[in-house]
Amino acid sequence: AHMLTQGQMVWMADLAPGVPMRMIREDAWRNDANRPAQLEKGAMLQVELNLPRLGRIHVVGSQWGQDISLQIAHDAISQDQWMALAPSLLSDLQAQGIDDVRLETLPPQDEVPNG
């Protein structure tokens, strides 16, 4: 019943053998730019995984109509690999029409609050 009223769904699966993934889909809301007193409903998808060579990755994607944005956070220990991969990744995303992308570094795992 919670999913029907809140629009939240959680999946846990293996992306590949030995690579667990957690995915959360939920409704998202923002102020409607065209109607100042109205809220616009969209969707948010969060994916959390830990890759053998790149470490922890947390991706948050939001969509309202055709407007898509991504926030990709990665482990600080893989900063060099991300710096090498980022231009190609951003180019591939832009080719798919996704221009609003932020790359960030995750805090060390022992600083992540429990919750």
Protein backbone atom coordinates (compact mmCIF):
# COMPACT_ATOMS: atom_id res chain seq x y z
CA ALA A 1 0.00 0.00 0.00
CA HIS A 2 2.92 2.36 0.70
CA MET A 3 4.04 2.12 -2.93
CA LEU A 4 0.58 3.14 -4.13
CA THR A 5 0.48 6.27 -1.98
CA GLN A 6 4.16 7.29 -1.97
CA GLY A 7 5.33 5.94 -5.32
CA GLN A 8 8.45 4.31 -3.85
CA MET A 9 9.82 0.95 -4.94
CA VAL A 10 13.11 -0.70 -3.91
CA TRP A 11 14.93 -3.45 -5.78
CA MET A 12 18.02 -5.36 -4.71
CA ALA A 13 19.72 -7.61 -7.24
CA ASP A 14 23.10 -8.54 -8.65
CA LEU A 15 24.15 -6.31 -11.55
CA ALA A 16 26.68 -9.03 -12.39
CA PRO A 17 27.80 -12.06 -10.38
CA GLY A 18 29.20 -10.78 -7.08
CA VAL A 19 28.20 -7.13 -7.77
CA PRO A 20 25.13 -6.32 -5.68
CA MET A 21 23.01 -3.33 -6.69
CA ARG A 22 20.29 -1.42 -4.87
CA MET A 23 17.79 0.60 -6.90
CA ILE A 24 15.12 2.93 -5.54
CA ARG A 25 12.40 4.55 -7.65
CA GLU A 26 10.20 7.23 -6.15
CA ASP A 27 7.99 10.13 -7.09
CA ALA A 28 9.72 13.50 -7.20
CA TRP A 29 8.21 16.96 -6.94
CA ARG A 30 9.43 20.42 -7.93
CA ASN A 31 7.95 23.85 -8.49
CA ASP A 32 6.47 24.16 -11.96
CA ALA A 33 8.35 26.92 -13.81
CA ASN A 34 5.34 27.62 -16.04
CA ARG A 35 2.78 27.71 -13.21
CA PRO A 36 4.33 29.35 -10.13
CA ALA A 37 1.81 28.09 -7.57
CA GLN A 38 1.82 24.49 -8.87
CA LEU A 39 4.02 21.48 -8.25
CA GLU A 40 5.19 19.28 -11.08
CA LYS A 41 5.38 15.52 -10.56
CA GLY A 42 8.36 13.59 -11.86
CA ALA A 43 10.37 10.55 -10.94
CA MET A 44 13.69 9.91 -9.24
CA LEU A 45 15.80 6.77 -9.60
CA GLN A 46 18.72 6.03 -7.29
CA VAL A 47 21.25 3.27 -7.98
CA GLU A 48 23.90 2.22 -5.48
CA LEU A 49 26.60 -0.30 -6.29
CA ASN A 50 30.18 -1.22 -5.50
CA LEU A 51 32.27 -2.12 -8.54
CA PRO A 52 35.48 -4.15 -8.13
CA ARG A 53 37.76 -1.60 -9.89
CA LEU A 54 35.88 1.68 -9.33
CA GLY A 55 34.53 1.18 -5.81
CA ARG A 56 31.25 2.65 -4.56
CA ILE A 57 29.03 4.47 -7.04
CA HIS A 58 25.79 6.30 -6.28
CA VAL A 59 23.74 7.57 -9.23
CA VAL A 60 20.64 9.73 -8.83
CA GLY A 61 18.58 10.43 -11.92
CA SER A 62 15.58 12.77 -11.97
CA GLN A 63 13.07 13.29 -14.75
CA TRP A 64 10.24 15.76 -15.22
CA GLY A 65 8.76 15.42 -18.69
CA GLN A 66 11.71 15.58 -21.11
CA ASP A 67 13.98 17.23 -18.49
CA ILE A 68 16.54 14.68 -17.22
CA SER A 69 19.37 15.27 -14.77
CA LEU A 70 21.99 12.93 -13.33
CA GLN A 71 24.20 13.11 -10.28
CA ILE A 72 26.98 10.52 -10.24
CA ALA A 73 29.03 10.17 -7.07
CA HIS A 74 32.07 7.91 -6.79
CA ASP A 75 34.66 6.80 -4.25
CA ALA A 76 37.56 9.18 -3.72
CA ILE A 77 39.99 6.25 -4.08
CA SER A 78 38.98 5.90 -7.76
CA GLN A 79 39.35 9.61 -8.60
CA ASP A 80 42.10 8.95 -11.18
CA GLN A 81 40.00 6.35 -13.01
CA TRP A 82 36.97 8.68 -13.01
CA MET A 83 39.01 11.56 -14.37
CA ALA A 84 40.07 9.31 -17.25
CA LEU A 85 36.52 7.99 -17.86
CA ALA A 86 34.58 11.25 -17.38
CA PRO A 87 35.05 12.83 -20.84
CA SER A 88 33.83 9.69 -22.62
CA LEU A 89 30.95 9.18 -20.17
CA LEU A 90 29.80 12.80 -20.46
CA SER A 91 30.05 12.63 -24.26
CA ASP A 92 27.98 9.42 -24.36
CA LEU A 93 25.33 10.93 -22.08
CA GLN A 94 25.20 14.13 -24.13
CA ALA A 95 24.71 12.03 -27.28
CA GLN A 96 21.65 10.56 -25.54
CA GLY A 97 20.31 14.07 -24.82
CA ILE A 98 21.38 14.21 -21.17
CA ASP A 99 23.29 17.46 -20.63
CA ASP A 100 22.62 18.07 -16.92
CA VAL A 101 25.21 15.79 -15.29
CA ARG A 102 27.13 16.40 -12.07
CA LEU A 103 30.10 14.26 -11.05
CA GLU A 104 30.91 14.23 -7.35
CA THR A 105 33.07 12.38 -4.84
CA LEU A 106 31.46 10.29 -2.10
CA PRO A 107 32.57 10.89 1.49
CA PRO A 108 34.73 8.12 2.97
CA GLN A 109 32.53 5.18 3.98
CA ASP A 110 33.21 5.63 7.70
CA GLU A 111 31.81 9.20 7.47
CA VAL A 112 28.50 8.14 5.87
CA PRO A 113 25.68 8.62 8.43
CA ASN A 114 23.60 5.60 9.33
CA GLY A 115 20.09 5.84 8.16
